[in-house]
PDB file of N, CA and C in Angstrom:
ATOM      1  N   ARG A   1     -23.222  -9.554   5.475  1.00  0.00           N
ATOM      2  CA  ARG A   1     -24.410  -9.935   4.985  1.00  0.00           C
ATOM      3  C   ARG A   1     -23.861 -10.203   3.588  1.00  0.00           C
ATOM      4  N   GLY A   2     -24.652 -10.901   2.694  1.00  0.00           N
ATOM      5  CA  GLY A   2     -23.824 -11.099   1.482  1.00  0.00           C
ATOM      6  C   GLY A   2     -25.303 -11.430   0.700  1.00  0.00           C
ATOM      7  N   TRP A   3     -24.960 -11.448  -0.956  1.00  0.00           N
ATOM      8  CA  TRP A   3     -26.586 -11.361  -1.668  1.00  0.00           C
ATOM      9  C   TRP A   3     -26.458 -12.103  -2.482  1.00  0.00           C
ATOM     10  N   LEU A   4     -27.070 -12.806  -3.074  1.00  0.00           N
ATOM     11  CA  LEU A   4     -27.317 -13.843  -4.772  1.00  0.00           C
ATOM     12  C   LEU A   4     -27.614 -12.614  -5.534  1.00  0.00           C
ATOM     13  N   VAL A   5     -26.729 -12.076  -6.492  1.00  0.00           N
ATOM     14  CA  VAL A   5     -26.677 -12.001  -7.769  1.00  0.00           C
ATOM     15  C   VAL A   5     -27.001 -12.720  -9.209  1.00  0.00           C
ATOM     16  N   PRO A   6     -28.328 -12.585  -9.895  1.00  0.00           N
ATOM     17  CA  PRO A   6     -28.121 -13.145 -11.272  1.00  0.00           C
ATOM     18  C   PRO A   6     -26.679 -12.768 -12.222  1.00  0.00           C
ATOM     19  N   LEU A   7     -25.826 -13.593 -12.867  1.00  0.00           N
ATOM     20  CA  LEU A   7     -24.677 -13.212 -13.552  1.00  0.00           C
ATOM     21  C   LEU A   7     -25.606 -12.480 -14.841  1.00  0.00           C
ATOM     22  N   ARG A   8     -26.619 -13.053 -15.304  1.00  0.00           N
ATOM     23  CA  ARG A   8     -27.246 -12.501 -16.211  1.00  0.00           C
ATOM     24  C   ARG A   8     -29.170 -12.581 -15.682  1.00  0.00           C
ATOM     25  N   SER A   9     -29.632 -11.238 -16.449  1.00  0.00           N
ATOM     26  CA  SER A   9     -31.158 -11.367 -15.413  1.00  0.00           C
ATOM     27  C   SER A   9     -32.053 -12.066 -16.508  1.00  0.00           C
ATOM     28  N   MET A  10     -31.889 -13.282 -16.583  1.00  0.00           N
ATOM     29  CA  MET A  10     -32.649 -13.890 -17.853  1.00  0.00           C
ATOM     30  C   MET A  10     -33.384 -14.846 -16.545  1.00  0.00           C
ATOM     31  N   ALA A  11     -33.074 -14.619 -15.261  1.00  0.00           N
ATOM     32  CA  ALA A  11     -34.284 -16.069 -14.576  1.00  0.00           C
ATOM     33  C   ALA A  11     -34.076 -15.429 -13.464  1.00  0.00           C
ATOM     34  N   VAL A  12     -35.890 -15.550 -12.884  1.00  0.00           N
ATOM     35  CA  VAL A  12     -35.980 -14.761 -11.595  1.00  0.00           C
ATOM     36  C   VAL A  12     -36.587 -15.923 -10.569  1.00  0.00           C
ATOM     37  N   ALA A  13     -35.964 -15.999  -9.332  1.00  0.00           N
ATOM     38  CA  ALA A  13     -36.135 -16.863  -8.544  1.00  0.00           C
ATOM     39  C   ALA A  13     -36.423 -16.151  -7.066  1.00  0.00           C
ATOM     40  N   GLY A  14     -37.251 -16.786  -6.731  1.00  0.00           N
ATOM     41  CA  GLY A  14     -37.376 -16.544  -4.996  1.00  0.00           C
ATOM     42  C   GLY A  14     -36.324 -16.703  -4.562  1.00  0.00           C
ATOM     43  N   PRO A  15     -36.163 -17.046  -2.899  1.00  0.00           N
ATOM     44  CA  PRO A  15     -35.211 -17.224  -1.948  1.00  0.00           C
ATOM     45  C   PRO A  15     -35.412 -18.256  -1.521  1.00  0.00           C
ATOM     46  N   GLY A  16     -34.138 -19.109  -1.543  1.00  0.00           N
ATOM     47  CA  GLY A  16     -33.489 -20.512  -1.764  1.00  0.00           C
ATOM     48  C   GLY A  16     -33.978 -21.479  -3.185  1.00  0.00           C
ATOM     49  N   GLU A  17     -34.761 -20.752  -3.959  1.00  0.00           N
ATOM     50  CA  GLU A  17     -34.716 -21.774  -5.536  1.00  0.00           C
ATOM     51  C   GLU A  17     -33.397 -21.527  -6.024  1.00  0.00           C
ATOM     52  N   ALA A  18     -33.437 -22.552  -6.985  1.00  0.00           N
ATOM     53  CA  ALA A  18     -32.677 -22.718  -7.537  1.00  0.00           C
ATOM     54  C   ALA A  18     -33.034 -21.688  -9.264  1.00  0.00           C
ATOM     55  N   PRO A  19     -31.996 -21.326  -9.487  1.00  0.00           N
ATOM     56  CA  PRO A  19     -32.316 -20.869 -11.424  1.00  0.00           C
ATOM     57  C   PRO A  19     -33.268 -21.326 -12.239  1.00  0.00           C
ATOM     58  N   ALA A  20     -34.438 -20.760 -12.445  1.00  0.00           N
ATOM     59  CA  ALA A  20     -35.387 -21.774 -13.914  1.00  0.00           C
ATOM     60  C   ALA A  20     -34.559 -22.024 -15.196  1.00  0.00           C
ATOM     61  N   VAL A  21     -33.465 -21.314 -15.390  1.00  0.00           N
ATOM     62  CA  VAL A  21     -33.012 -21.623 -16.446  1.00  0.00           C
ATOM     63  C   VAL A  21     -31.728 -22.460 -16.740  1.00  0.00           C
ATOM     64  N   GLU A  22     -31.772 -23.563 -17.514  1.00  0.00           N
ATOM     65  CA  GLU A  22     -30.366 -24.116 -17.198  1.00  0.00           C
ATOM     66  C   GLU A  22     -29.371 -23.205 -17.997  1.00  0.00           C
ATOM     67  N   GLY A  23     -28.247 -23.341 -17.328  1.00  0.00           N
ATOM     68  CA  GLY A  23     -27.305 -22.548 -17.704  1.00  0.00           C
ATOM     69  C   GLY A  23     -26.973 -20.995 -16.920  1.00  0.00           C
ATOM     70  N   THR A  24     -27.716 -20.974 -15.911  1.00  0.00           N
ATOM     71  CA  THR A  24     -28.136 -19.558 -15.866  1.00  0.00           C
ATOM     72  C   THR A  24     -26.982 -19.432 -14.426  1.00  0.00           C
ATOM     73  N   ALA A  25     -26.057 -19.037 -14.656  1.00  0.00           N
ATOM     74  CA  ALA A  25     -25.118 -18.353 -13.277  1.00  0.00           C
ATOM     75  C   ALA A  25     -25.462 -17.629 -12.122  1.00  0.00           C
ATOM     76  N   TRP A  26     -24.956 -17.587 -11.116  1.00  0.00           N
ATOM     77  CA  TRP A  26     -25.340 -16.717 -10.239  1.00  0.00           C
ATOM     78  C   TRP A  26     -23.941 -16.784  -9.558  1.00  0.00           C
ATOM     79  N   LEU A  27     -23.889 -15.592  -8.708  1.00  0.00           N
ATOM     80  CA  LEU A  27     -22.815 -14.992  -7.870  1.00  0.00           C
ATOM     81  C   LEU A  27     -22.855 -14.512  -6.682  1.00  0.00           C
ATOM     82  N   TRP A  28     -21.668 -14.907  -5.939  1.00  0.00           N
ATOM     83  CA  TRP A  28     -21.874 -14.735  -4.639  1.00  0.00           C
ATOM     84  C   TRP A  28     -21.429 -12.937  -4.614  1.00  0.00           C
ATOM     85  N   SER A  29     -22.107 -12.081  -3.895  1.00  0.00           N
ATOM     86  CA  SER A  29     -21.871 -10.882  -3.366  1.00  0.00           C
ATOM     87  C   SER A  29     -21.177 -10.757  -2.204  1.00  0.00           C
ATOM     88  N   LEU A  30     -20.213  -9.960  -1.806  1.00  0.00           N
ATOM     89  CA  LEU A  30     -19.706  -9.484  -0.515  1.00  0.00           C
ATOM     90  C   LEU A  30     -19.528  -8.177  -0.309  1.00  0.00           C
ATOM     91  N   PRO A  31     -20.697  -7.580   0.617  1.00  0.00           N
ATOM     92  CA  PRO A  31     -20.348  -5.846   0.823  1.00  0.00           C
ATOM     93  C   PRO A  31     -18.947  -5.906   1.365  1.00  0.00           C
ATOM     94  N   ARG A  32     -18.538  -4.714   1.084  1.00  0.00           N
ATOM     95  CA  ARG A  32     -16.935  -3.961   1.171  1.00  0.00           C
ATOM     96  C   ARG A  32     -15.999  -4.699   1.065  1.00  0.00           C
ATOM     97  N   CYS A  33     -15.925  -6.279   0.067  1.00  0.00           N
ATOM     98  CA  CYS A  33     -15.020  -6.867  -0.472  1.00  0.00           C
ATOM     99  C   CYS A  33     -13.852  -6.508  -0.749  1.00  0.00           C
ATOM    100  N   GLY A  34     -14.253  -5.358  -1.695  1.00  0.00           N
ATOM    101  CA  GLY A  34     -13.327  -4.306  -2.177  1.00  0.00           C
ATOM    102  C   GLY A  34     -12.318  -3.554  -1.371  1.00  0.00           C
ATOM    103  N   LEU A  35     -12.720  -2.905  -0.342  1.00  0.00           N
ATOM    104  CA  LEU A  35     -11.970  -2.360   0.609  1.00  0.00           C
ATOM    105  C   LEU A  35     -10.629  -3.796   1.598  1.00  0.00           C
ATOM    106  N   LEU A  36     -11.335  -4.818   1.388  1.00  0.00           N
ATOM    107  CA  LEU A  36     -10.857  -5.789   2.300  1.00  0.00           C
ATOM    108  C   LEU A  36      -9.544  -6.458   1.403  1.00  0.00           C
ATOM    109  N   VAL A  37      -9.506  -6.381  -0.046  1.00  0.00           N
ATOM    110  CA  VAL A  37      -9.081  -6.955  -0.662  1.00  0.00           C
ATOM    111  C   VAL A  37      -7.856  -5.630  -1.290  1.00  0.00           C
ATOM    112  N   LYS A  38      -8.054  -4.159  -1.051  1.00  0.00           N
ATOM    113  CA  LYS A  38      -7.265  -3.228  -1.139  1.00  0.00           C
ATOM    114  C   LYS A  38      -6.310  -3.360   0.096  1.00  0.00           C
ATOM    115  N   ALA A  39      -7.365  -3.634   1.516  1.00  0.00           N
ATOM    116  CA  ALA A  39      -6.246  -3.417   2.511  1.00  0.00           C
ATOM    117  C   ALA A  39      -5.514  -4.393   2.686  1.00  0.00           C
ATOM    118  N   LEU A  40      -5.739  -5.800   2.330  1.00  0.00           N
ATOM    119  CA  LEU A  40      -4.981  -6.682   2.451  1.00  0.00           C
ATOM    120  C   LEU A  40      -3.352  -6.712   1.123  1.00  0.00           C
ATOM    121  N   LEU A  41      -4.036  -6.063  -0.024  1.00  0.00           N
ATOM    122  CA  LEU A  41      -2.634  -5.967  -0.947  1.00  0.00           C
ATOM    123  C   LEU A  41      -1.751  -4.685  -0.527  1.00  0.00           C
ATOM    124  N   GLN A  42      -2.339  -3.976   0.392  1.00  0.00           N
ATOM    125  CA  GLN A  42      -1.342  -2.510   0.718  1.00  0.00           C
ATOM    126  C   GLN A  42      -0.407  -3.262   1.604  1.00  0.00           C
ATOM    127  N   SER A  43      -1.067  -4.327   2.146  1.00  0.00           N
ATOM    128  CA  SER A  43      -0.595  -4.703   3.754  1.00  0.00           C
ATOM    129  C   SER A  43       0.611  -5.701   3.278  1.00  0.00           C
ATOM    130  N   ARG A  44       0.200  -6.123   2.270  1.00  0.00           N
ATOM    131  CA  ARG A  44       1.454  -7.408   1.320  1.00  0.00           C
ATOM    132  C   ARG A  44       2.048  -6.634   1.123  1.00  0.00           C
ATOM    133  N   ALA A  45       2.062  -5.071   0.581  1.00  0.00           N
ATOM    134  CA  ALA A  45       3.247  -3.980   0.017  1.00  0.00           C
ATOM    135  C   ALA A  45       4.322  -4.485   1.197  1.00  0.00           C
ATOM    136  N   ASP A  46       3.592  -3.953   1.808  1.00  0.00           N
ATOM    137  CA  ASP A  46       4.132  -3.120   3.295  1.00  0.00           C
ATOM    138  C   ASP A  46       5.288  -3.716   3.426  1.00  0.00           C
ATOM    139  N   VAL A  47       4.839  -4.823   3.808  1.00  0.00           N
ATOM    140  CA  VAL A  47       5.683  -6.318   4.429  1.00  0.00           C
ATOM    141  C   VAL A  47       7.087  -6.197   4.046  1.00  0.00           C
ATOM    142  N   LEU A  48       6.600  -6.739   2.557  1.00  0.00           N
ATOM    143  CA  LEU A  48       7.655  -6.698   1.173  1.00  0.00           C
ATOM    144  C   LEU A  48       8.587  -5.899   1.012  1.00  0.00           C
ATOM    145  N   ARG A  49       8.067  -3.806   1.375  1.00  0.00           N
ATOM    146  CA  ARG A  49       9.248  -3.191   1.122  1.00  0.00           C
ATOM    147  C   ARG A  49       9.796  -3.905   2.662  1.00  0.00           C
ATOM    148  N   CYS A  50       9.304  -3.468   3.578  1.00  0.00           N
ATOM    149  CA  CYS A  50      10.239  -3.565   4.962  1.00  0.00           C
ATOM    150  C   CYS A  50      10.896  -4.924   4.989  1.00  0.00           C
ATOM    151  N   LEU A  51      11.117  -5.988   4.394  1.00  0.00           N
ATOM    152  CA  LEU A  51      11.488  -7.215   4.370  1.00  0.00           C
ATOM    153  C   LEU A  51      12.629  -7.090   3.112  1.00  0.00           C
ATOM    154  N   ASP A  52      12.476  -6.023   2.285  1.00  0.00           N
ATOM    155  CA  ASP A  52      13.380  -5.563   1.280  1.00  0.00           C
ATOM    156  C   ASP A  52      14.571  -5.174   1.210  1.00  0.00           C
ATOM    157  N   ARG A  53      13.942  -4.406   2.235  1.00  0.00           N
ATOM    158  CA  ARG A  53      14.971  -3.152   2.912  1.00  0.00           C
ATOM    159  C   ARG A  53      16.067  -3.534   3.806  1.00  0.00           C
ATOM    160  N   GLN A  54      15.975  -4.910   4.681  1.00  0.00           N
ATOM    161  CA  GLN A  54      17.171  -6.143   5.399  1.00  0.00           C
ATOM    162  C   GLN A  54      17.742  -6.469   4.405  1.00  0.00           C
ATOM    163  N   ARG A  55      18.778  -6.977   5.361  1.00  0.00           N
ATOM    164  CA  ARG A  55      20.000  -7.716   4.356  1.00  0.00           C
ATOM    165  C   ARG A  55      19.491  -8.875   4.466  1.00  0.00           C
ATOM    166  N   PHE A  56      19.833  -9.590   3.256  1.00  0.00           N
ATOM    167  CA  PHE A  56      19.378 -10.195   2.776  1.00  0.00           C
ATOM    168  C   PHE A  56      17.776 -11.321   3.042  1.00  0.00           C
ATOM    169  N   GLY A  57      16.631 -10.074   3.232  1.00  0.00           N
ATOM    170  CA  GLY A  57      15.296 -10.012   2.871  1.00  0.00           C
ATOM    171  C   GLY A  57      15.188 -11.226   4.022  1.00  0.00           C
ATOM    172  N   ARG A  58      15.640 -10.883   5.386  1.00  0.00           N
ATOM    173  CA  ARG A  58      15.275 -11.329   6.750  1.00  0.00           C
ATOM    174  C   ARG A  58      15.167 -10.285   7.751  1.00  0.00           C
ATOM    175  N   ALA A  59      14.197 -10.829   8.107  1.00  0.00           N
ATOM    176  CA  ALA A  59      14.153  -9.664   9.653  1.00  0.00           C
ATOM    177  C   ALA A  59      13.333 -10.601  10.649  1.00  0.00           C
ATOM    178  N   GLN A  60      13.445 -10.314  12.184  1.00  0.00           N
ATOM    179  CA  GLN A  60      12.409 -10.825  13.165  1.00  0.00           C
ATOM    180  C   GLN A  60      11.090 -10.190  12.693  1.00  0.00           C
ATOM    181  N   GLN A  61      10.021 -10.714  13.371  1.00  0.00           N
ATOM    182  CA  GLN A  61       8.727 -10.007  13.286  1.00  0.00           C
ATOM    183  C   GLN A  61       8.343  -9.225  13.814  1.00  0.00           C
ATOM    184  N   HIS A  62       8.908  -8.885  14.876  1.00  0.00           N
ATOM    185  CA  HIS A  62       8.548  -7.566  15.638  1.00  0.00           C
ATOM    186  C   HIS A  62       8.793  -6.755  14.869  1.00  0.00           C
ATOM    187  N   VAL A  63      10.086  -6.305  13.944  1.00  0.00           N
ATOM    188  CA  VAL A  63      10.757  -5.257  12.961  1.00  0.00           C
ATOM    189  C   VAL A  63       9.723  -5.167  12.136  1.00  0.00           C
ATOM    190  N   VAL A  64       9.089  -6.219  11.666  1.00  0.00           N
ATOM    191  CA  VAL A  64       7.884  -5.831  10.675  1.00  0.00           C
ATOM    192  C   VAL A  64       6.860  -5.225  11.082  1.00  0.00           C
ATOM    193  N   GLU A  65       6.777  -5.960  12.305  1.00  0.00           N
ATOM    194  CA  GLU A  65       5.430  -5.087  13.124  1.00  0.00           C
ATOM    195  C   GLU A  65       5.282  -3.809  12.862  1.00  0.00           C
ATOM    196  N   ARG A  66       6.598  -3.516  13.138  1.00  0.00           N
ATOM    197  CA  ARG A  66       6.425  -1.545  13.682  1.00  0.00           C
ATOM    198  C   ARG A  66       6.524  -0.946  12.279  1.00  0.00           C
ATOM    199  N   ALA A  67       7.703  -1.591  11.228  1.00  0.00           N
ATOM    200  CA  ALA A  67       7.231  -1.078  10.263  1.00  0.00           C
ATOM    201  C   ALA A  67       5.870  -0.931   9.677  1.00  0.00           C
ATOM    202  N   ALA A  68       5.282  -1.305   9.630  1.00  0.00           N
ATOM    203  CA  ALA A  68       4.074  -2.233   9.144  1.00  0.00           C
ATOM    204  C   ALA A  68       2.506  -1.327   9.972  1.00  0.00           C
ATOM    205  N   ALA A  69       3.090  -1.072  11.222  1.00  0.00           N
ATOM    206  CA  ALA A  69       2.105  -0.736  12.196  1.00  0.00           C
ATOM    207  C   ALA A  69       1.222   0.605  11.359  1.00  0.00           C
ATOM    208  N   SER A  70       1.448   1.315  10.716  1.00  0.00           N
ATOM    209  CA  SER A  70       0.251   2.175   9.683  1.00  0.00           C
ATOM    210  C   SER A  70      -0.595   1.723   9.499  1.00  0.00           C
ATOM    211  N   GLY A  71       0.154   0.932   8.371  1.00  0.00           N
ATOM    212  CA  GLY A  71      -0.689   0.449   7.048  1.00  0.00           C
ATOM    213  C   GLY A  71      -1.550  -0.563   7.442  1.00  0.00           C
ATOM    214  N   LEU A  72      -0.966  -1.544   8.779  1.00  0.00           N
ATOM    215  CA  LEU A  72      -2.029  -2.485   9.108  1.00  0.00           C
ATOM    216  C   LEU A  72      -3.757  -1.768   9.738  1.00  0.00           C
ATOM    217  N   SER A  73      -3.243  -1.163  11.092  1.00  0.00           N
ATOM    218  CA  SER A  73      -4.351  -0.056  11.640  1.00  0.00           C
ATOM    219  C   SER A  73      -4.885   0.343  11.010  1.00  0.00           C
ATOM    220  N   ARG A  74      -4.915   1.280   9.601  1.00  0.00           N
ATOM    221  CA  ARG A  74      -5.831   1.982   8.140  1.00  0.00           C
ATOM    222  C   ARG A  74      -6.318   0.497   7.967  1.00  0.00           C
ATOM    223  N   GLY A  75      -5.970  -0.646   7.565  1.00  0.00           N
ATOM    224  CA  GLY A  75      -6.853  -1.306   6.943  1.00  0.00           C
ATOM    225  C   GLY A  75      -7.407  -2.589   8.112  1.00  0.00           C
ATOM    226  N   HIS A  76      -7.249  -2.372   9.495  1.00  0.00           N
ATOM    227  CA  HIS A  76      -7.964  -2.737  10.384  1.00  0.00           C
ATOM    228  C   HIS A  76      -7.754  -4.826  10.057  1.00  0.00           C
ATOM    229  N   LEU A  77      -6.612  -4.823   9.721  1.00  0.00           N
ATOM    230  CA  LEU A  77      -5.954  -6.251   9.479  1.00  0.00           C
ATOM    231  C   LEU A  77      -4.959  -6.761  10.414  1.00  0.00           C
ATOM    232  N   SER A  78      -5.096  -7.808  10.635  1.00  0.00           N
ATOM    233  CA  SER A  78      -3.726  -8.147  11.656  1.00  0.00           C
ATOM    234  C   SER A  78      -2.706  -9.180  11.317  1.00  0.00           C
ATOM    235  N   LEU A  79      -1.144  -8.375  11.513  1.00  0.00           N
ATOM    236  CA  LEU A  79      -0.016  -8.878  10.505  1.00  0.00           C
ATOM    237  C   LEU A  79      -0.334 -10.399  10.465  1.00  0.00           C
ATOM    238  N   GLN A  80      -0.901 -11.222  12.028  1.00  0.00           N
ATOM    239  CA  GLN A  80      -0.873 -12.709  11.381  1.00  0.00           C
ATOM    240  C   GLN A  80      -1.683 -13.339   9.880  1.00  0.00           C
ATOM    241  N   TYR A  81      -2.670 -12.149   9.734  1.00  0.00           N
ATOM    242  CA  TYR A  81      -3.488 -12.637   8.453  1.00  0.00           C
ATOM    243  C   TYR A  81      -2.441 -12.310   7.456  1.00  0.00           C
ATOM    244  N   VAL A  82      -2.113 -11.016   7.020  1.00  0.00           N
ATOM    245  CA  VAL A  82      -1.403 -11.026   6.411  1.00  0.00           C
ATOM    246  C   VAL A  82      -0.153 -12.118   6.032  1.00  0.00           C
ATOM    247  N   LEU A  83       1.012 -12.155   7.210  1.00  0.00           N
ATOM    248  CA  LEU A  83       1.507 -12.974   7.221  1.00  0.00           C
ATOM    249  C   LEU A  83       1.347 -14.513   6.626  1.00  0.00           C
ATOM    250  N   GLN A  84       0.052 -14.926   6.855  1.00  0.00           N
ATOM    251  CA  GLN A  84      -0.161 -16.218   6.770  1.00  0.00           C
ATOM    252  C   GLN A  84      -0.583 -16.027   5.817  1.00  0.00           C
ATOM    253  N   ASP A  85      -1.157 -15.129   4.818  1.00  0.00           N
ATOM    254  CA  ASP A  85      -1.217 -15.004   3.794  1.00  0.00           C
ATOM    255  C   ASP A  85      -0.188 -15.275   2.883  1.00  0.00           C
ATOM    256  N   MET A  86       0.613 -14.476   2.720  1.00  0.00           N
ATOM    257  CA  MET A  86       1.985 -14.410   1.929  1.00  0.00           C
ATOM    258  C   MET A  86       2.888 -15.847   2.200  1.00  0.00           C
ATOM    259  N   GLU A  87       2.657 -16.542   3.498  1.00  0.00           N
ATOM    260  CA  GLU A  87       3.089 -17.484   3.227  1.00  0.00           C
ATOM    261  C   GLU A  87       2.386 -18.914   2.524  1.00  0.00           C
ATOM    262  N   GLY A  88       1.303 -18.419   2.314  1.00  0.00           N
ATOM    263  CA  GLY A  88       0.347 -19.470   1.468  1.00  0.00           C
ATOM    264  C   GLY A  88       0.764 -19.357   0.125  1.00  0.00           C
ATOM    265  N   ARG A  89       0.899 -18.015  -0.324  1.00  0.00           N
ATOM    266  CA  ARG A  89       1.340 -18.240  -1.717  1.00  0.00           C
ATOM    267  C   ARG A  89       2.605 -17.822  -1.949  1.00  0.00           C
ATOM    268  N   GLY A  90       3.697 -17.976  -0.763  1.00  0.00           N
ATOM    269  CA  GLY A  90       4.650 -18.575  -1.360  1.00  0.00           C
ATOM    270  C   GLY A  90       5.674 -17.608  -1.516  1.00  0.00           C
ATOM    271  N   LEU A  91       5.710 -16.374  -1.249  1.00  0.00           N
ATOM    272  CA  LEU A  91       6.313 -15.349  -0.816  1.00  0.00           C
ATOM    273  C   LEU A  91       7.490 -14.785   0.580  1.00  0.00           C
ATOM    274  N   LEU A  92       7.180 -15.602   1.500  1.00  0.00           N
ATOM    275  CA  LEU A  92       7.936 -15.724   2.489  1.00  0.00           C
ATOM    276  C   LEU A  92       8.127 -16.806   3.032  1.00  0.00           C
ATOM    277  N   SER A  93       8.777 -17.387   3.875  1.00  0.00           N
ATOM    278  CA  SER A  93       8.309 -18.326   4.963  1.00  0.00           C
ATOM    279  C   SER A  93       8.924 -17.857   6.407  1.00  0.00           C
ATOM    280  N   VAL A  94       8.189 -18.404   7.455  1.00  0.00           N
ATOM    281  CA  VAL A  94       8.278 -18.121   8.598  1.00  0.00           C
ATOM    282  C   VAL A  94       9.058 -19.091   9.638  1.00  0.00           C
ATOM    283  N   ASP A  95       9.748 -18.579  10.223  1.00  0.00           N
ATOM    284  CA  ASP A  95      10.808 -19.518  11.054  1.00  0.00           C
ATOM    285  C   ASP A  95      10.275 -19.368  12.550  1.00  0.00           C
ATOM    286  N   ARG A  96       9.749 -20.071  12.850  1.00  0.00           N
ATOM    287  CA  ARG A  96       8.773 -20.184  14.437  1.00  0.00           C
ATOM    288  C   ARG A  96       9.963 -20.536  15.286  1.00  0.00           C
ATOM    289  N   ALA A  97      10.908 -20.851  14.853  1.00  0.00           N
ATOM    290  CA  ALA A  97      11.796 -22.135  16.010  1.00  0.00           C
ATOM    291  C   ALA A  97      13.120 -21.221  15.886  1.00  0.00           C
ATOM    292  N   ALA A  98      13.112 -19.825  15.024  1.00  0.00           N
ATOM    293  CA  ALA A  98      14.770 -19.187  15.634  1.00  0.00           C
ATOM    294  C   ALA A  98      14.607 -18.935  17.087  1.00  0.00           C
ATOM    295  N   PRO A  99      15.961 -19.036  17.619  1.00  0.00           N
ATOM    296  CA  PRO A  99      16.462 -18.977  19.082  1.00  0.00           C
ATOM    297  C   PRO A  99      15.925 -16.996  19.367  1.00  0.00           C
ATOM    298  N   ALA A 100      16.229 -16.550  18.361  1.00  0.00           N
ATOM    299  CA  ALA A 100      16.228 -14.891  18.846  1.00  0.00           C
ATOM    300  C   ALA A 100      14.171 -14.318  18.589  1.00  0.00           C
ATOM    301  N   GLY A 101      13.547 -15.462  18.066  1.00  0.00           N
ATOM    302  CA  GLY A 101      12.567 -15.230  18.102  1.00  0.00           C
ATOM    303  C   GLY A 101      11.710 -16.180  16.248  1.00  0.00           C
ATOM    304  N   THR A 102      10.416 -15.418  16.430  1.00  0.00           N
ATOM    305  CA  THR A 102      10.004 -15.735  14.810  1.00  0.00           C
ATOM    306  C   THR A 102      10.921 -14.803  13.561  1.00  0.00           C
ATOM    307  N   SER A 103      11.314 -15.265  12.973  1.00  0.00           N
ATOM    308  CA  SER A 103      12.090 -15.047  11.803  1.00  0.00           C
ATOM    309  C   SER A 103      11.447 -15.178  10.621  1.00  0.00           C
ATOM    310  N   LEU A 104      11.359 -14.292   9.246  1.00  0.00           N
ATOM    311  CA  LEU A 104      10.290 -13.911   8.813  1.00  0.00           C
ATOM    312  C   LEU A 104      11.906 -13.862   7.144  1.00  0.00           C
ATOM    313  N   LEU A 105      11.413 -14.329   6.034  1.00  0.00           N
ATOM    314  CA  LEU A 105      12.388 -14.609   5.053  1.00  0.00           C
ATOM    315  C   LEU A 105      11.819 -14.489   3.575  1.00  0.00           C
ATOM    316  N   LEU A 106      12.064 -13.828   2.919  1.00  0.00           N
ATOM    317  CA  LEU A 106      11.636 -13.755   1.923  1.00  0.00           C
ATOM    318  C   LEU A 106      11.966 -14.788   0.862  1.00  0.00           C
ATOM    319  N   SER A 107      11.195 -15.200  -0.041  1.00  0.00           N
ATOM    320  CA  SER A 107      10.919 -16.468  -0.862  1.00  0.00           C
ATOM    321  C   SER A 107      11.868 -15.382  -2.206  1.00  0.00           C
ATOM    322  N   PRO A 108      11.909 -16.390  -3.039  1.00  0.00           N
ATOM    323  CA  PRO A 108      12.642 -16.067  -4.474  1.00  0.00           C
ATOM    324  C   PRO A 108      11.666 -15.553  -5.000  1.00  0.00           C
ATOM    325  N   ALA A 109      10.058 -15.950  -5.106  1.00  0.00           N
ATOM    326  CA  ALA A 109       9.325 -15.332  -5.412  1.00  0.00           C
ATOM    327  C   ALA A 109       8.588 -13.643  -4.471  1.00  0.00           C
ATOM    328  N   GLY A 110       8.670 -13.631  -3.745  1.00  0.00           N
ATOM    329  CA  GLY A 110       8.610 -12.399  -2.311  1.00  0.00           C
ATOM    330  C   GLY A 110       9.864 -11.543  -2.952  1.00  0.00           C
ATOM    331  N   VAL A 111      11.020 -12.404  -3.541  1.00  0.00           N
ATOM    332  CA  VAL A 111      12.337 -11.060  -4.248  1.00  0.00           C
ATOM    333  C   VAL A 111      11.954 -10.550  -5.525  1.00  0.00           C
ATOM    334  N   GLU A 112      11.273 -11.570  -6.364  1.00  0.00           N
ATOM    335  CA  GLU A 112      10.603 -11.194  -7.428  1.00  0.00           C
ATOM    336  C   GLU A 112       9.378  -9.563  -7.051  1.00  0.00           C
ATOM    337  N   ALA A 113       8.517  -9.907  -6.132  1.00  0.00           N
ATOM    338  CA  ALA A 113       7.597  -9.354  -6.219  1.00  0.00           C
ATOM    339  C   ALA A 113       7.865  -8.124  -5.581  1.00  0.00           C
ATOM    340  N   ALA A 114       8.917  -7.636  -4.989  1.00  0.00           N
ATOM    341  CA  ALA A 114       9.341  -6.944  -4.232  1.00  0.00           C
ATOM    342  C   ALA A 114       9.944  -6.027  -4.777  1.00  0.00           C
ATOM    343  N   GLY A 115      10.693  -6.807  -5.914  1.00  0.00           N
ATOM    344  CA  GLY A 115      11.283  -6.237  -7.185  1.00  0.00           C
ATOM    345  C   GLY A 115      10.271  -5.139  -8.170  1.00  0.00           C
ATOM    346  N   ALA A 116       8.956  -6.085  -8.331  1.00  0.00           N
ATOM    347  CA  ALA A 116       8.003  -5.456  -9.372  1.00  0.00           C
ATOM    348  C   ALA A 116       7.502  -4.325  -8.796  1.00  0.00           C
ATOM    349  N   LEU A 117       7.143  -4.425  -7.074  1.00  0.00           N
ATOM    350  CA  LEU A 117       7.095  -2.879  -6.114  1.00  0.00           C
ATOM    351  C   LEU A 117       8.022  -1.937  -6.321  1.00  0.00           C
ATOM    352  N   LYS A 118       9.515  -1.785  -6.210  1.00  0.00           N
ATOM    353  CA  LYS A 118      10.216  -0.939  -6.850  1.00  0.00           C
ATOM    354  C   LYS A 118      10.178  -0.416  -8.037  1.00  0.00           C
ATOM    355  N   ARG A 119      10.273  -1.458  -9.034  1.00  0.00           N
ATOM    356  CA  ARG A 119       9.769  -0.835 -10.078  1.00  0.00           C
ATOM    357  C   ARG A 119       8.479   0.045 -10.882  1.00  0.00           C
ATOM    358  N   LYS A 120       7.315  -0.370  -9.872  1.00  0.00           N
ATOM    359  CA  LYS A 120       6.126  -0.005  -9.981  1.00  0.00           C
ATOM    360  C   LYS A 120       6.009   1.650  -9.389  1.00  0.00           C
ATOM    361  N   ARG A 121       6.909   1.785  -8.822  1.00  0.00           N
ATOM    362  CA  ARG A 121       7.109   3.153  -8.025  1.00  0.00           C
ATOM    363  C   ARG A 121       8.161   3.995  -8.761  1.00  0.00           C
ATOM    364  N   LYS A 122       8.850   4.018  -9.134  1.00  0.00           N
ATOM    365  CA  LYS A 122       9.215   4.771 -10.340  1.00  0.00           C
ATOM    366  C   LYS A 122       9.633   5.480 -10.904  1.00  0.00           C
ATOM    367  N   ARG A 123       7.779   4.448 -12.062  1.00  0.00           N
ATOM    368  CA  ARG A 123       6.747   5.067 -12.883  1.00  0.00           C
ATOM    369  C   ARG A 123       6.422   6.890 -12.236  1.00  0.00           C
TER     370      ARG A 123
END
C-alpha cells in the first residue's frame, strides 16, 4: 500500500480530491521502497563483481547465479529481475542463443561501473 503525501503542507484535501491550491505538488510514497532499492543496488554490485572477475567480462548465467546467490536471497530479489534491470540500464547484454546456455557479457558501461566498485572498496 502507498499513501499520498503532500510535498508542502499548504493544502488539505480528502481522499480522492485534488489539491485545493494550484501549484501544490503531491508525492506517491511506497512503504519499504528504500529496502527494495538497497537490495537492488547490492544485487547489481554482486553481479558486476562476479562478471568483472571472469575472463573478458563474460560468464554463463549459472555461474553468476551461484556467485550471487547469498546476496539475492538476502534481498528477496530474483536474478531475472536484476538482470533485466541491468540490461535495461545498459550494464550488460544477455545472449540467450548461446550454444552452452544463457551467456552474460559486461558492456563498456558495465566495465566502468565495475571499475568504480573496485575504487570504492579500496578506500
